[in-house]
Amino acid sequence: RREFTQEISLHVFGCADGTGAPMFTGIAYESRLGSEFTNWAIFERPDHDPVRDVSAENLRIDDPDLRAVCELFGLQLADGR
């Protein structure tokens, strides 16, 4: 349930070491869609630098992962695929 994961996230977000510094930058947890999927929650803190070193690439319409997600959720792309 969403409320449960929010409570856990809030608890982990608030964990601090002896100096008051945050102990965690996020959490990973198993998706409700199955153990082969992992969800990540990255904590953004206003008093800390944002997460960096993120990369991105263009997504191709025939990307196998995109196709698998569409199939899993019963989605159809705007081009009818």
Protein backbone atom coordinates (compact mmCIF):
# COMPACT_ATOMS: atom_id res chain seq x y z
CA ARG A 1 0.00 0.00 0.00
CA ARG A 2 1.19 3.50 -0.83
CA GLU A 3 0.67 4.76 2.73
CA PHE A 4 2.96 2.03 4.04
CA THR A 5 5.80 2.84 1.62
CA GLN A 6 5.40 6.55 2.40
CA GLU A 7 5.76 5.87 6.13
CA ILE A 8 8.88 3.80 5.56
CA SER A 9 10.37 6.45 3.27
CA LEU A 10 9.69 9.19 5.81
CA HIS A 11 11.34 7.13 8.56
CA VAL A 12 14.44 6.37 6.46
CA PHE A 13 14.61 10.01 5.26
CA GLY A 14 14.75 11.14 8.91
CA CYS A 15 17.52 8.75 10.00
CA ALA A 16 20.66 10.66 10.99
CA ASP A 17 24.05 9.79 12.40
CA GLY A 18 25.52 11.16 15.65
CA THR A 19 26.39 14.48 14.00
CA GLY A 20 22.90 14.94 12.55
CA ALA A 21 23.97 14.12 8.98
CA PRO A 22 21.52 12.06 6.92
CA MET A 23 22.37 8.37 6.85
CA PHE A 24 20.64 7.56 3.55
CA THR A 25 20.21 9.20 0.16
CA GLY A 26 17.31 6.97 -0.85
CA ILE A 27 15.80 3.51 -0.74
CA ALA A 28 15.20 0.67 -3.17
CA TYR A 29 12.26 -1.67 -2.84
CA GLU A 30 10.55 -4.46 -4.73
CA SER A 31 7.77 -3.40 -7.07
CA ARG A 32 4.21 -4.58 -6.57
CA LEU A 33 4.44 -5.75 -10.19
CA GLY A 34 6.90 -8.49 -9.31
CA SER A 35 10.29 -9.23 -7.81
CA GLU A 36 12.01 -8.72 -11.17
CA PHE A 37 11.34 -4.97 -10.84
CA THR A 38 13.06 -2.66 -8.36
CA ASN A 39 11.74 0.80 -7.52
CA TRP A 40 14.09 3.54 -6.34
CA ALA A 41 13.21 6.58 -4.23
CA ILE A 42 15.98 9.20 -4.21
CA PHE A 43 15.71 11.78 -1.44
CA GLU A 44 16.12 15.42 -2.42
CA ARG A 45 17.19 17.58 0.46
CA PRO A 46 17.04 21.39 0.22
CA ASP A 47 20.23 21.78 2.27
CA HIS A 48 22.27 19.33 0.14
CA ASP A 49 23.44 19.30 -3.45
CA PRO A 50 21.02 17.57 -5.82
CA VAL A 51 21.70 14.13 -7.24
CA ARG A 52 24.25 14.43 -10.07
CA ASP A 53 25.95 12.21 -12.63
CA VAL A 54 22.66 11.29 -14.24
CA SER A 55 22.73 10.20 -17.84
CA ALA A 56 20.00 10.05 -20.44
CA GLU A 57 19.65 8.80 -23.96
CA ASN A 58 17.00 8.98 -26.63
CA LEU A 59 14.39 6.25 -26.42
CA ARG A 60 13.70 4.38 -29.64
CA ILE A 61 10.16 3.35 -30.50
CA ASP A 62 11.32 -0.25 -30.92
CA ASP A 63 13.23 -0.39 -27.62
CA PRO A 64 12.55 -3.84 -26.12
CA ASP A 65 12.15 -2.46 -22.58
CA LEU A 66 9.64 0.15 -23.76
CA ARG A 67 7.69 -2.53 -25.62
CA ALA A 68 7.72 -4.78 -22.52
CA VAL A 69 6.40 -1.98 -20.28
CA CYS A 70 3.64 -1.18 -22.79
CA GLU A 71 2.65 -4.82 -22.88
CA LEU A 72 2.79 -5.17 -19.09
CA PHE A 73 0.47 -2.20 -18.55
CA GLY A 74 -1.71 -2.77 -21.62
CA LEU A 75 -0.60 0.53 -23.14
CA GLN A 76 -0.56 1.57 -26.76
CA LEU A 77 1.80 4.23 -28.09
CA ALA A 78 0.39 7.29 -29.86
CA ASP A 79 1.56 5.96 -33.24
CA GLY A 80 -0.69 2.91 -32.76
CA ARG A 81 2.03 0.40 -31.89
